[in-house]
Amino acid sequence: MILADKIIYLRKKAGWSQEELAEKMEVSRQSISKWEGALSVPDMNRILKLSELFDVSTDYLLRDEMEEEEKNPAADEKIADETGEKLVPVSMELANDYLAHCQKVSVPCAFGVFLCIMSPVFLLLLSGAGEAGLLPLTEDQGALLGTTILILLIVAAVSIFVITGHYDEKYDFLEKEALDTAYGVDGMVRDRKQKYERGHVIELAAGVALCVASCIPIFLMILLFGEENVMALTGAISLLLFLVATGVFLIVRTCIIWDGYQVLLEEGDYTRIAKKQNKRISGIYWGCVIAVYLLVSFLTMEWHITWVIWPVAGIVWGVVSSIYRNQVER
């Protein structure tokens, strides 16, 4: 076992994040990340400090041939007593299966969200076309038909979420329990994460750009046709929702894949401290957001405005999550 993997192993056994270890070592988190990724090697003073911190010998840290069972057994006992956490073993096969699962469900989940955002488009178009006399329908008939399509799209989206959620259950423990990855797993995951990082950033940026630019069609339609042209405005609102839905599709898809790497590495929202949130407030919060979005949208019928609820909810969630995590840390 090389030094990089030993540092990862000992850090996780101690229940520390990279940030926590960096603080104890008085170095930056990037330094810890480089040590664990075998991109750099700590100097002898750092080796001595690691030895003292983890209560293992410097020989164990420096000699690759000394494996896990050759460590000071008292060290394991001490770490286990301090954390009181049960570590769930993660084999190379399980890690690969989980990453493949994340790739597989990323598109269906993102498409389900896409359908939810697009669901009011037919309601807007059909009721607008009925009002403008472009279809042999009254405004009420167009609204009724559009509402039917809206419900069907929501049903399809919910079905997708239920099916993917069923397959997610197999891997739920990875997001909730403290992990003990087998030799080589961390290195493999870090390598794949590094290769995917560029694509993740590009897709995330494209998704955000589409969401921000989604209001442009409304400005153009008002500029070209005025506010009194019902169909032009309805078409612009529909295009706005399409751009938002496409942007969110890209964001959700890439974030599901990215989160897969973070789950196995216990980084970001999946550190051991963050896991103590147990996803309870997440389910309650986003369930309330969906209810508020649909309620406000149907009461006001201002779909071109109510989409703002989603980015605002995302920002608020970041604040709520951080506050809750700080409370857990205390």
C-alpha atoms as a PDB file:
ATOM      1  CA  MET A   1       0.000   0.000   0.000  1.00  0.00           C
ATOM      2  CA  ILE A   2       1.519   3.315  -1.074  1.00  0.00           C
ATOM      3  CA  LEU A   3       1.719   6.372   1.186  1.00  0.00           C
ATOM      4  CA  ALA A   4      -1.192   8.124  -0.577  1.00  0.00           C
ATOM      5  CA  ASP A   5      -3.578   5.256   0.127  1.00  0.00           C
ATOM      6  CA  LYS A   6      -2.349   4.960   3.719  1.00  0.00           C
ATOM      7  CA  ILE A   7      -3.121   8.635   4.361  1.00  0.00           C
ATOM      8  CA  ILE A   8      -6.607   8.184   2.890  1.00  0.00           C
ATOM      9  CA  TYR A   9      -7.187   5.040   4.933  1.00  0.00           C
ATOM     10  CA  LEU A  10      -6.027   6.557   8.219  1.00  0.00           C
ATOM     11  CA  ARG A  11      -7.939   9.799   7.652  1.00  0.00           C
ATOM     12  CA  LYS A  12     -11.182   7.960   6.990  1.00  0.00           C
ATOM     13  CA  LYS A  13     -10.650   5.621   9.929  1.00  0.00           C
ATOM     14  CA  ALA A  14     -10.317   8.728  12.082  1.00  0.00           C
ATOM     15  CA  GLY A  15     -13.525  10.130  10.597  1.00  0.00           C
ATOM     16  CA  TRP A  16     -11.874  13.311   9.333  1.00  0.00           C
ATOM     17  CA  SER A  17     -12.491  15.230   6.140  1.00  0.00           C
ATOM     18  CA  GLN A  18      -9.588  16.586   4.099  1.00  0.00           C
ATOM     19  CA  GLU A  19     -10.290  20.017   5.581  1.00  0.00           C
ATOM     20  CA  GLU A  20     -10.097  18.682   9.134  1.00  0.00           C
ATOM     21  CA  LEU A  21      -6.835  16.837   8.504  1.00  0.00           C
ATOM     22  CA  ALA A  22      -5.395  19.932   6.801  1.00  0.00           C
ATOM     23  CA  GLU A  23      -6.258  22.009   9.866  1.00  0.00           C
ATOM     24  CA  LYS A  24      -4.570  19.519  12.195  1.00  0.00           C
ATOM     25  CA  MET A  25      -1.509  19.366   9.923  1.00  0.00           C
ATOM     26  CA  GLU A  26      -1.485  23.155   9.478  1.00  0.00           C
ATOM     27  CA  VAL A  27      -1.440  22.868   5.694  1.00  0.00           C
ATOM     28  CA  SER A  28      -3.950  23.667   2.950  1.00  0.00           C
ATOM     29  CA  ARG A  29      -6.663  21.251   1.863  1.00  0.00           C
ATOM     30  CA  GLN A  30      -5.032  21.223  -1.576  1.00  0.00           C
ATOM     31  CA  SER A  31      -1.866  19.813  -0.006  1.00  0.00           C
ATOM     32  CA  ILE A  32      -3.835  16.949   1.547  1.00  0.00           C
ATOM     33  CA  SER A  33      -5.562  16.332  -1.784  1.00  0.00           C
ATOM     34  CA  LYS A  34      -2.186  16.157  -3.563  1.00  0.00           C
ATOM     35  CA  TRP A  35      -0.786  13.756  -0.964  1.00  0.00           C
ATOM     36  CA  GLU A  36      -3.820  11.493  -1.305  1.00  0.00           C
ATOM     37  CA  GLY A  37      -3.699  11.678  -5.087  1.00  0.00           C
ATOM     38  CA  ALA A  38       0.011  10.765  -5.089  1.00  0.00           C
ATOM     39  CA  LEU A  39       0.741  14.062  -6.840  1.00  0.00           C
ATOM     40  CA  SER A  40       3.204  15.113  -4.154  1.00  0.00           C
ATOM     41  CA  VAL A  41       4.870  13.627  -1.082  1.00  0.00           C
ATOM     42  CA  PRO A  42       4.935  15.277   2.364  1.00  0.00           C
ATOM     43  CA  ASP A  43       8.374  16.206   3.663  1.00  0.00           C
ATOM     44  CA  MET A  44       9.928  14.387   6.615  1.00  0.00           C
ATOM     45  CA  ASN A  45       8.574  16.859   9.161  1.00  0.00           C
ATOM     46  CA  ARG A  46       5.061  16.256   7.827  1.00  0.00           C
ATOM     47  CA  ILE A  47       5.645  12.497   7.874  1.00  0.00           C
ATOM     48  CA  LEU A  48       6.604  12.712  11.541  1.00  0.00           C
ATOM     49  CA  LYS A  49       3.514  14.776  12.275  1.00  0.00           C
ATOM     50  CA  LEU A  50       1.293  12.298  10.414  1.00  0.00           C
ATOM     51  CA  SER A  51       2.865   9.467  12.388  1.00  0.00           C
ATOM     52  CA  GLU A  52       2.140  11.256  15.643  1.00  0.00           C
ATOM     53  CA  LEU A  53      -1.362  12.288  14.601  1.00  0.00           C
ATOM     54  CA  PHE A  54      -2.446   8.801  13.513  1.00  0.00           C
ATOM     55  CA  ASP A  55      -0.362   7.012  16.169  1.00  0.00           C
ATOM     56  CA  VAL A  56       1.456   4.831  13.634  1.00  0.00           C
ATOM     57  CA  SER A  57       5.139   4.351  12.962  1.00  0.00           C
ATOM     58  CA  THR A  58       7.012   6.255  10.272  1.00  0.00           C
ATOM     59  CA  ASP A  59       8.105   2.873   8.917  1.00  0.00           C
ATOM     60  CA  TYR A  60       4.484   1.993   8.268  1.00  0.00           C
ATOM     61  CA  LEU A  61       3.934   5.253   6.392  1.00  0.00           C
ATOM     62  CA  LEU A  62       7.100   5.092   4.299  1.00  0.00           C
ATOM     63  CA  ARG A  63       7.430   1.399   3.522  1.00  0.00           C
ATOM     64  CA  ASP A  64       4.976   0.274   0.840  1.00  0.00           C
ATOM     65  CA  GLU A  65       5.380  -3.396   1.739  1.00  0.00           C
ATOM     66  CA  MET A  66       3.945  -2.805   5.225  1.00  0.00           C
ATOM     67  CA  GLU A  67       0.232  -3.398   4.815  1.00  0.00           C
ATOM     68  CA  GLU A  68      -2.731  -2.525   6.998  1.00  0.00           C
ATOM     69  CA  GLU A  69      -2.430  -5.453   9.387  1.00  0.00           C
ATOM     70  CA  GLU A  70       1.159  -4.525  10.236  1.00  0.00           C
ATOM     71  CA  LYS A  71       0.177  -1.239  11.837  1.00  0.00           C
ATOM     72  CA  ASN A  72       0.220  -0.647  15.541  1.00  0.00           C
ATOM     73  CA  PRO A  73      -3.002  -2.385  16.686  1.00  0.00           C
ATOM     74  CA  ALA A  74      -3.394   0.142  19.483  1.00  0.00           C
ATOM     75  CA  ALA A  75      -3.827   2.835  16.857  1.00  0.00           C
ATOM     76  CA  ASP A  76      -6.876   1.126  15.351  1.00  0.00           C
ATOM     77  CA  GLU A  77      -8.386   0.677  18.780  1.00  0.00           C
ATOM     78  CA  LYS A  78      -7.856   4.321  19.624  1.00  0.00           C
ATOM     79  CA  ILE A  79      -9.386   5.583  16.395  1.00  0.00           C
ATOM     80  CA  ALA A  80     -12.391   3.292  16.734  1.00  0.00           C
ATOM     81  CA  ASP A  81     -12.958   4.412  20.316  1.00  0.00           C
ATOM     82  CA  GLU A  82     -12.751   8.092  19.392  1.00  0.00           C
ATOM     83  CA  THR A  83     -15.170   7.984  16.496  1.00  0.00           C
ATOM     84  CA  GLY A  84     -17.592   5.322  17.678  1.00  0.00           C
ATOM     85  CA  GLU A  85     -18.634   4.947  14.030  1.00  0.00           C
ATOM     86  CA  LYS A  86     -19.154   1.739  12.141  1.00  0.00           C
ATOM     87  CA  LEU A  87     -17.361   1.846   8.796  1.00  0.00           C
ATOM     88  CA  VAL A  88     -19.022   0.222   5.798  1.00  0.00           C
ATOM     89  CA  PRO A  89     -16.526  -1.553   3.503  1.00  0.00           C
ATOM     90  CA  VAL A  90     -16.563  -0.503  -0.157  1.00  0.00           C
ATOM     91  CA  SER A  91     -14.918  -2.886  -2.615  1.00  0.00           C
ATOM     92  CA  MET A  92     -13.608  -1.991  -6.063  1.00  0.00           C
ATOM     93  CA  GLU A  93     -16.516  -3.883  -7.638  1.00  0.00           C
ATOM     94  CA  LEU A  94     -19.097  -1.983  -5.574  1.00  0.00           C
ATOM     95  CA  ALA A  95     -17.452   1.356  -6.376  1.00  0.00           C
ATOM     96  CA  ASN A  96     -17.494   0.638 -10.120  1.00  0.00           C
ATOM     97  CA  ASP A  97     -21.103  -0.577  -9.967  1.00  0.00           C
ATOM     98  CA  TYR A  98     -22.171   2.582  -8.140  1.00  0.00           C
ATOM     99  CA  LEU A  99     -20.443   4.913 -10.607  1.00  0.00           C
ATOM    100  CA  ALA A 100     -22.039   3.006 -13.503  1.00  0.00           C
ATOM    101  CA  HIS A 101     -25.416   3.343 -11.764  1.00  0.00           C
ATOM    102  CA  CYS A 102     -24.965   7.114 -11.450  1.00  0.00           C
ATOM    103  CA  GLN A 103     -24.213   7.333 -15.172  1.00  0.00           C
ATOM    104  CA  LYS A 104     -27.263   5.194 -15.964  1.00  0.00           C
ATOM    105  CA  VAL A 105     -29.840   7.115 -13.898  1.00  0.00           C
ATOM    106  CA  SER A 106     -28.494  10.603 -14.600  1.00  0.00           C
ATOM    107  CA  VAL A 107     -30.375  11.013 -17.890  1.00  0.00           C
ATOM    108  CA  PRO A 108     -33.773   9.622 -16.734  1.00  0.00           C
ATOM    109  CA  CYS A 109     -33.692  11.734 -13.557  1.00  0.00           C
ATOM    110  CA  ALA A 110     -32.731  14.852 -15.490  1.00  0.00           C
ATOM    111  CA  PHE A 111     -35.451  14.134 -18.060  1.00  0.00           C
ATOM    112  CA  GLY A 112     -38.018  13.785 -15.272  1.00  0.00           C
ATOM    113  CA  VAL A 113     -37.114  17.260 -14.023  1.00  0.00           C
ATOM    114  CA  PHE A 114     -37.253  18.502 -17.638  1.00  0.00           C
ATOM    115  CA  LEU A 115     -40.828  17.191 -17.956  1.00  0.00           C
ATOM    116  CA  CYS A 116     -41.881  18.883 -14.703  1.00  0.00           C
ATOM    117  CA  ILE A 117     -40.640  22.270 -15.890  1.00  0.00           C
ATOM    118  CA  MET A 118     -42.092  21.810 -19.391  1.00  0.00           C
ATOM    119  CA  SER A 119     -45.481  20.582 -18.141  1.00  0.00           C
ATOM    120  CA  PRO A 120     -47.231  23.997 -18.242  1.00  0.00           C
ATOM    121  CA  VAL A 121     -46.079  24.788 -21.796  1.00  0.00           C
ATOM    122  CA  PHE A 122     -49.013  23.061 -23.521  1.00  0.00           C
ATOM    123  CA  LEU A 123     -51.432  24.703 -21.102  1.00  0.00           C
ATOM    124  CA  LEU A 124     -50.047  28.115 -22.045  1.00  0.00           C
ATOM    125  CA  LEU A 125     -49.930  27.442 -25.790  1.00  0.00           C
ATOM    126  CA  LEU A 126     -53.374  25.842 -26.100  1.00  0.00           C
ATOM    127  CA  SER A 127     -55.175  28.388 -23.939  1.00  0.00           C
ATOM    128  CA  GLY A 128     -53.365  31.212 -25.755  1.00  0.00           C
ATOM    129  CA  ALA A 129     -54.180  29.742 -29.170  1.00  0.00           C
ATOM    130  CA  GLY A 130     -57.811  29.317 -28.150  1.00  0.00           C
ATOM    131  CA  GLU A 131     -58.007  32.921 -26.985  1.00  0.00           C
ATOM    132  CA  ALA A 132     -56.376  34.155 -30.214  1.00  0.00           C
ATOM    133  CA  GLY A 133     -58.703  32.042 -32.381  1.00  0.00           C
ATOM    134  CA  LEU A 134     -55.865  30.069 -33.966  1.00  0.00           C
ATOM    135  CA  LEU A 135     -57.453  26.737 -32.999  1.00  0.00           C
ATOM    136  CA  PRO A 136     -61.088  25.578 -33.131  1.00  0.00           C
ATOM    137  CA  LEU A 137     -61.144  25.721 -29.329  1.00  0.00           C
ATOM    138  CA  THR A 138     -62.382  28.203 -26.800  1.00  0.00           C
ATOM    139  CA  GLU A 139     -59.926  29.543 -24.250  1.00  0.00           C
ATOM    140  CA  ASP A 140     -61.489  27.311 -21.584  1.00  0.00           C
ATOM    141  CA  GLN A 141     -61.297  24.221 -23.800  1.00  0.00           C
ATOM    142  CA  GLY A 142     -57.666  24.959 -24.589  1.00  0.00           C
ATOM    143  CA  ALA A 143     -56.927  25.409 -20.892  1.00  0.00           C
ATOM    144  CA  LEU A 144     -58.683  22.119 -20.059  1.00  0.00           C
ATOM    145  CA  LEU A 145     -56.758  20.200 -22.727  1.00  0.00           C
ATOM    146  CA  GLY A 146     -53.509  21.855 -21.669  1.00  0.00           C
ATOM    147  CA  THR A 147     -54.142  20.962 -18.032  1.00  0.00           C
ATOM    148  CA  THR A 148     -54.719  17.336 -19.042  1.00  0.00           C
ATOM    149  CA  ILE A 149     -51.373  17.243 -20.839  1.00  0.00           C
ATOM    150  CA  LEU A 150     -49.730  18.946 -17.848  1.00  0.00           C
ATOM    151  CA  ILE A 151     -51.017  16.227 -15.510  1.00  0.00           C
ATOM    152  CA  LEU A 152     -49.875  13.474 -17.898  1.00  0.00           C
ATOM    153  CA  LEU A 153     -46.365  14.946 -18.048  1.00  0.00           C
ATOM    154  CA  ILE A 154     -46.225  15.196 -14.245  1.00  0.00           C
ATOM    155  CA  VAL A 155     -47.390  11.574 -13.978  1.00  0.00           C
ATOM    156  CA  ALA A 156     -44.650  10.510 -16.409  1.00  0.00           C
ATOM    157  CA  ALA A 157     -42.027  12.444 -14.429  1.00  0.00           C
ATOM    158  CA  VAL A 158     -43.162  10.992 -11.102  1.00  0.00           C
ATOM    159  CA  SER A 159     -43.070   7.492 -12.608  1.00  0.00           C
ATOM    160  CA  ILE A 160     -39.472   8.072 -13.691  1.00  0.00           C
ATOM    161  CA  PHE A 161     -38.551   9.283 -10.202  1.00  0.00           C
ATOM    162  CA  VAL A 162     -40.193   6.257  -8.567  1.00  0.00           C
ATOM    163  CA  ILE A 163     -38.413   3.792 -10.864  1.00  0.00           C
ATOM    164  CA  THR A 164     -34.977   5.385 -10.509  1.00  0.00           C
ATOM    165  CA  GLY A 165     -35.562   5.789  -6.777  1.00  0.00           C
ATOM    166  CA  HIS A 166     -36.216   2.057  -6.522  1.00  0.00           C
ATOM    167  CA  TYR A 167     -32.820   1.284  -8.045  1.00  0.00           C
ATOM    168  CA  ASP A 168     -31.195   3.984  -5.899  1.00  0.00           C
ATOM    169  CA  GLU A 169     -32.215   2.133  -2.735  1.00  0.00           C
ATOM    170  CA  LYS A 170     -29.493  -0.443  -3.350  1.00  0.00           C
ATOM    171  CA  TYR A 171     -26.850   2.254  -2.889  1.00  0.00           C
ATOM    172  CA  ASP A 172     -28.552   4.452  -0.272  1.00  0.00           C
ATOM    173  CA  PHE A 173     -26.130   3.364   2.448  1.00  0.00           C
ATOM    174  CA  LEU A 174     -23.204   4.900   0.549  1.00  0.00           C
ATOM    175  CA  GLU A 175     -24.731   8.357   1.011  1.00  0.00           C
ATOM    176  CA  LYS A 176     -25.600   7.814   4.671  1.00  0.00           C
ATOM    177  CA  GLU A 177     -22.865   5.689   6.262  1.00  0.00           C
ATOM    178  CA  ALA A 178     -19.173   6.257   6.957  1.00  0.00           C
ATOM    179  CA  LEU A 179     -17.175   4.381   4.306  1.00  0.00           C
ATOM    180  CA  ASP A 180     -14.029   2.282   4.442  1.00  0.00           C
ATOM    181  CA  THR A 181     -12.858   1.990   0.836  1.00  0.00           C
ATOM    182  CA  ALA A 182     -10.704  -0.950  -0.210  1.00  0.00           C
ATOM    183  CA  TYR A 183      -7.147  -0.528  -1.417  1.00  0.00           C
ATOM    184  CA  GLY A 184      -7.036   1.302  -4.758  1.00  0.00           C
ATOM    185  CA  VAL A 185     -10.653   2.499  -4.708  1.00  0.00           C
ATOM    186  CA  ASP A 186      -9.867   6.100  -3.751  1.00  0.00           C
ATOM    187  CA  GLY A 187      -7.179   6.336  -6.410  1.00  0.00           C
ATOM    188  CA  MET A 188      -9.505   4.946  -9.084  1.00  0.00           C
ATOM    189  CA  VAL A 189     -12.340   7.299  -8.144  1.00  0.00           C
ATOM    190  CA  ARG A 190     -10.055  10.341  -8.004  1.00  0.00           C
ATOM    191  CA  ASP A 191      -8.650   9.505 -11.427  1.00  0.00           C
ATOM    192  CA  ARG A 192     -12.112   9.204 -12.984  1.00  0.00           C
ATOM    193  CA  LYS A 193     -13.289  12.344 -11.211  1.00  0.00           C
ATOM    194  CA  GLN A 194     -10.314  14.300 -12.524  1.00  0.00           C
ATOM    195  CA  LYS A 195     -10.996  13.123 -16.085  1.00  0.00           C
ATOM    196  CA  TYR A 196     -14.663  14.099 -15.820  1.00  0.00           C
ATOM    197  CA  GLU A 197     -14.071  17.463 -14.139  1.00  0.00           C
ATOM    198  CA  ARG A 198     -13.661  19.466 -17.370  1.00  0.00           C
ATOM    199  CA  GLY A 199     -16.876  18.056 -18.847  1.00  0.00           C
ATOM    200  CA  HIS A 200     -18.701  18.664 -15.573  1.00  0.00           C
ATOM    201  CA  VAL A 201     -17.678  22.327 -15.448  1.00  0.00           C
ATOM    202  CA  ILE A 202     -18.618  22.894 -19.109  1.00  0.00           C
ATOM    203  CA  GLU A 203     -22.035  21.232 -18.741  1.00  0.00           C
ATOM    204  CA  LEU A 204     -22.724  23.054 -15.484  1.00  0.00           C
ATOM    205  CA  ALA A 205     -21.771  26.400 -17.027  1.00  0.00           C
ATOM    206  CA  ALA A 206     -23.941  25.717 -20.091  1.00  0.00           C
ATOM    207  CA  GLY A 207     -26.909  24.851 -17.887  1.00  0.00           C
ATOM    208  CA  VAL A 208     -26.554  27.999 -15.802  1.00  0.00           C
ATOM    209  CA  ALA A 209     -26.091  30.112 -18.951  1.00  0.00           C
ATOM    210  CA  LEU A 210     -29.324  28.756 -20.462  1.00  0.00           C
ATOM    211  CA  CYS A 211     -31.245  29.523 -17.271  1.00  0.00           C
ATOM    212  CA  VAL A 212     -29.899  33.076 -17.153  1.00  0.00           C
ATOM    213  CA  ALA A 213     -30.514  33.667 -20.875  1.00  0.00           C
ATOM    214  CA  SER A 214     -34.039  32.235 -20.759  1.00  0.00           C
ATOM    215  CA  CYS A 215     -35.619  35.663 -20.199  1.00  0.00           C
ATOM    216  CA  ILE A 216     -34.245  37.043 -23.482  1.00  0.00           C
ATOM    217  CA  PRO A 217     -37.120  35.684 -25.676  1.00  0.00           C
ATOM    218  CA  ILE A 218     -39.674  37.630 -23.615  1.00  0.00           C
ATOM    219  CA  PHE A 219     -37.733  40.870 -24.005  1.00  0.00           C
ATOM    220  CA  LEU A 220     -37.423  40.317 -27.761  1.00  0.00           C
ATOM    221  CA  MET A 221     -41.107  39.444 -28.226  1.00  0.00           C
ATOM    222  CA  ILE A 222     -42.228  42.518 -26.298  1.00  0.00           C
ATOM    223  CA  LEU A 223     -39.802  44.656 -28.303  1.00  0.00           C
ATOM    224  CA  LEU A 224     -40.975  43.260 -31.660  1.00  0.00           C
ATOM    225  CA  PHE A 225     -44.698  42.656 -31.105  1.00  0.00           C
ATOM    226  CA  GLY A 226     -45.631  44.596 -27.971  1.00  0.00           C
ATOM    227  CA  GLU A 227     -47.312  43.384 -24.813  1.00  0.00           C
ATOM    228  CA  GLU A 228     -50.752  43.111 -26.417  1.00  0.00           C
ATOM    229  CA  ASN A 229     -49.844  40.244 -28.767  1.00  0.00           C
ATOM    230  CA  VAL A 230     -51.050  37.263 -26.729  1.00  0.00           C
ATOM    231  CA  MET A 231     -49.609  34.484 -28.894  1.00  0.00           C
ATOM    232  CA  ALA A 232     -46.214  36.154 -29.231  1.00  0.00           C
ATOM    233  CA  LEU A 233     -45.979  36.555 -25.466  1.00  0.00           C
ATOM    234  CA  THR A 234     -47.238  33.015 -24.858  1.00  0.00           C
ATOM    235  CA  GLY A 235     -44.682  31.642 -27.313  1.00  0.00           C
ATOM    236  CA  ALA A 236     -41.927  33.605 -25.599  1.00  0.00           C
ATOM    237  CA  ILE A 237     -42.928  32.260 -22.180  1.00  0.00           C
ATOM    238  CA  SER A 238     -42.981  28.728 -23.587  1.00  0.00           C
ATOM    239  CA  LEU A 239     -39.501  29.234 -25.042  1.00  0.00           C
ATOM    240  CA  LEU A 240     -38.360  30.580 -21.668  1.00  0.00           C
ATOM    241  CA  LEU A 241     -39.572  27.413 -19.946  1.00  0.00           C
ATOM    242  CA  PHE A 242     -37.895  25.263 -22.600  1.00  0.00           C
ATOM    243  CA  LEU A 243     -34.555  27.014 -22.086  1.00  0.00           C
ATOM    244  CA  VAL A 244     -34.857  26.716 -18.302  1.00  0.00           C
ATOM    245  CA  ALA A 245     -35.837  23.044 -18.600  1.00  0.00           C
ATOM    246  CA  THR A 246     -32.879  22.338 -20.888  1.00  0.00           C
ATOM    247  CA  GLY A 247     -30.489  24.190 -18.589  1.00  0.00           C
ATOM    248  CA  VAL A 248     -31.753  22.344 -15.523  1.00  0.00           C
ATOM    249  CA  PHE A 249     -31.527  19.044 -17.443  1.00  0.00           C
ATOM    250  CA  LEU A 250     -27.816  19.651 -18.045  1.00  0.00           C
ATOM    251  CA  ILE A 251     -27.229  20.714 -14.437  1.00  0.00           C
ATOM    252  CA  VAL A 252     -29.068  17.751 -12.906  1.00  0.00           C
ATOM    253  CA  ARG A 253     -27.444  15.198 -15.224  1.00  0.00           C
ATOM    254  CA  THR A 254     -23.877  16.294 -14.595  1.00  0.00           C
ATOM    255  CA  CYS A 255     -24.429  16.836 -10.856  1.00  0.00           C
ATOM    256  CA  ILE A 256     -25.727  13.277 -10.396  1.00  0.00           C
ATOM    257  CA  ILE A 257     -22.551  11.910 -11.999  1.00  0.00           C
ATOM    258  CA  TRP A 258     -20.326  14.330 -10.056  1.00  0.00           C
ATOM    259  CA  ASP A 259     -22.067  13.479  -6.790  1.00  0.00           C
ATOM    260  CA  GLY A 260     -21.265   9.822  -7.425  1.00  0.00           C
ATOM    261  CA  TYR A 261     -17.562  10.607  -7.159  1.00  0.00           C
ATOM    262  CA  GLN A 262     -18.084  12.780  -4.089  1.00  0.00           C
ATOM    263  CA  VAL A 263     -20.100  10.075  -2.333  1.00  0.00           C
ATOM    264  CA  LEU A 264     -17.286   7.532  -2.638  1.00  0.00           C
ATOM    265  CA  LEU A 265     -14.622  10.081  -1.675  1.00  0.00           C
ATOM    266  CA  GLU A 266     -16.796  11.479   1.146  1.00  0.00           C
ATOM    267  CA  GLU A 267     -16.362  15.029  -0.090  1.00  0.00           C
ATOM    268  CA  GLY A 268     -18.603  18.059  -0.544  1.00  0.00           C
ATOM    269  CA  ASP A 269     -22.123  17.342   0.692  1.00  0.00           C
ATOM    270  CA  TYR A 270     -21.152  13.778   1.596  1.00  0.00           C
ATOM    271  CA  THR A 271     -18.577  14.254   4.324  1.00  0.00           C
ATOM    272  CA  ARG A 272     -19.297  12.311   7.481  1.00  0.00           C
ATOM    273  CA  ILE A 273     -20.547  15.425   9.202  1.00  0.00           C
ATOM    274  CA  ALA A 274     -22.848  16.285   6.285  1.00  0.00           C
ATOM    275  CA  LYS A 275     -24.259  12.748   6.276  1.00  0.00           C
ATOM    276  CA  LYS A 276     -25.634  13.346   9.749  1.00  0.00           C
ATOM    277  CA  GLN A 277     -28.294  15.477   8.121  1.00  0.00           C
ATOM    278  CA  ASN A 278     -29.684  12.072   7.067  1.00  0.00           C
ATOM    279  CA  LYS A 279     -31.463  13.680   4.123  1.00  0.00           C
ATOM    280  CA  ARG A 280     -34.536  14.338   6.267  1.00  0.00           C
ATOM    281  CA  ILE A 281     -34.557  18.111   5.897  1.00  0.00           C
ATOM    282  CA  SER A 282     -33.732  17.712   2.196  1.00  0.00           C
ATOM    283  CA  GLY A 283     -36.892  15.726   1.455  1.00  0.00           C
ATOM    284  CA  ILE A 284     -39.098  18.041   3.518  1.00  0.00           C
ATOM    285  CA  TYR A 285     -37.577  21.197   2.032  1.00  0.00           C
ATOM    286  CA  TRP A 286     -37.820  20.274  -1.644  1.00  0.00           C
ATOM    287  CA  GLY A 287     -41.277  18.783  -1.193  1.00  0.00           C
ATOM    288  CA  CYS A 288     -42.417  22.157   0.167  1.00  0.00           C
ATOM    289  CA  VAL A 289     -40.713  23.982  -2.720  1.00  0.00           C
ATOM    290  CA  ILE A 290     -42.585  21.875  -5.304  1.00  0.00           C
ATOM    291  CA  ALA A 291     -45.891  22.466  -3.511  1.00  0.00           C
ATOM    292  CA  VAL A 292     -45.299  26.233  -3.317  1.00  0.00           C
ATOM    293  CA  TYR A 293     -44.227  26.408  -6.990  1.00  0.00           C
ATOM    294  CA  LEU A 294     -47.336  24.619  -8.267  1.00  0.00           C
ATOM    295  CA  LEU A 295     -49.690  26.463  -5.901  1.00  0.00           C
ATOM    296  CA  VAL A 296     -48.365  29.935  -6.752  1.00  0.00           C
ATOM    297  CA  SER A 297     -48.190  29.139 -10.485  1.00  0.00           C
ATOM    298  CA  PHE A 298     -51.778  27.886 -10.700  1.00  0.00           C
ATOM    299  CA  LEU A 299     -53.158  30.709  -8.564  1.00  0.00           C
ATOM    300  CA  THR A 300     -51.391  33.473 -10.497  1.00  0.00           C
ATOM    301  CA  MET A 301     -50.951  31.757 -13.893  1.00  0.00           C
ATOM    302  CA  GLU A 302     -47.720  33.752 -14.144  1.00  0.00           C
ATOM    303  CA  TRP A 303     -45.567  30.805 -15.244  1.00  0.00           C
ATOM    304  CA  HIS A 304     -43.068  33.146 -16.896  1.00  0.00           C
ATOM    305  CA  ILE A 305     -42.301  34.584 -13.454  1.00  0.00           C
ATOM    306  CA  THR A 306     -42.816  31.726 -11.001  1.00  0.00           C
ATOM    307  CA  TRP A 307     -39.877  29.732 -12.417  1.00  0.00           C
ATOM    308  CA  VAL A 308     -37.705  32.125 -10.387  1.00  0.00           C
ATOM    309  CA  ILE A 309     -38.785  30.093  -7.331  1.00  0.00           C
ATOM    310  CA  TRP A 310     -36.325  27.344  -8.349  1.00  0.00           C
ATOM    311  CA  PRO A 311     -33.024  29.281  -8.398  1.00  0.00           C
ATOM    312  CA  VAL A 312     -34.095  31.144  -5.246  1.00  0.00           C
ATOM    313  CA  ALA A 313     -34.927  27.828  -3.566  1.00  0.00           C
ATOM    314  CA  GLY A 314     -31.505  26.501  -4.554  1.00  0.00           C
ATOM    315  CA  ILE A 315     -29.756  29.464  -2.927  1.00  0.00           C
ATOM    316  CA  VAL A 316     -31.891  29.195   0.220  1.00  0.00           C
ATOM    317  CA  TRP A 317     -31.185  25.459   0.387  1.00  0.00           C
ATOM    318  CA  GLY A 318     -27.456  26.149   0.375  1.00  0.00           C
ATOM    319  CA  VAL A 319     -27.901  28.491   3.353  1.00  0.00           C
ATOM    320  CA  VAL A 320     -30.226  26.108   5.230  1.00  0.00           C
ATOM    321  CA  SER A 321     -27.901  23.165   4.621  1.00  0.00           C
ATOM    322  CA  SER A 322     -24.859  25.099   5.848  1.00  0.00           C
ATOM    323  CA  ILE A 323     -26.639  26.270   9.009  1.00  0.00           C
ATOM    324  CA  TYR A 324     -27.844  22.750   9.780  1.00  0.00           C
ATOM    325  CA  ARG A 325     -24.385  21.317   9.189  1.00  0.00           C
ATOM    326  CA  ASN A 326     -22.818  23.869  11.527  1.00  0.00           C
ATOM    327  CA  GLN A 327     -25.322  22.910  14.210  1.00  0.00           C
ATOM    328  CA  VAL A 328     -24.411  19.234  13.769  1.00  0.00           C
ATOM    329  CA  GLU A 329     -20.693  20.018  14.033  1.00  0.00           C
ATOM    330  CA  ARG A 330     -21.281  21.721  17.367  1.00  0.00           C
END
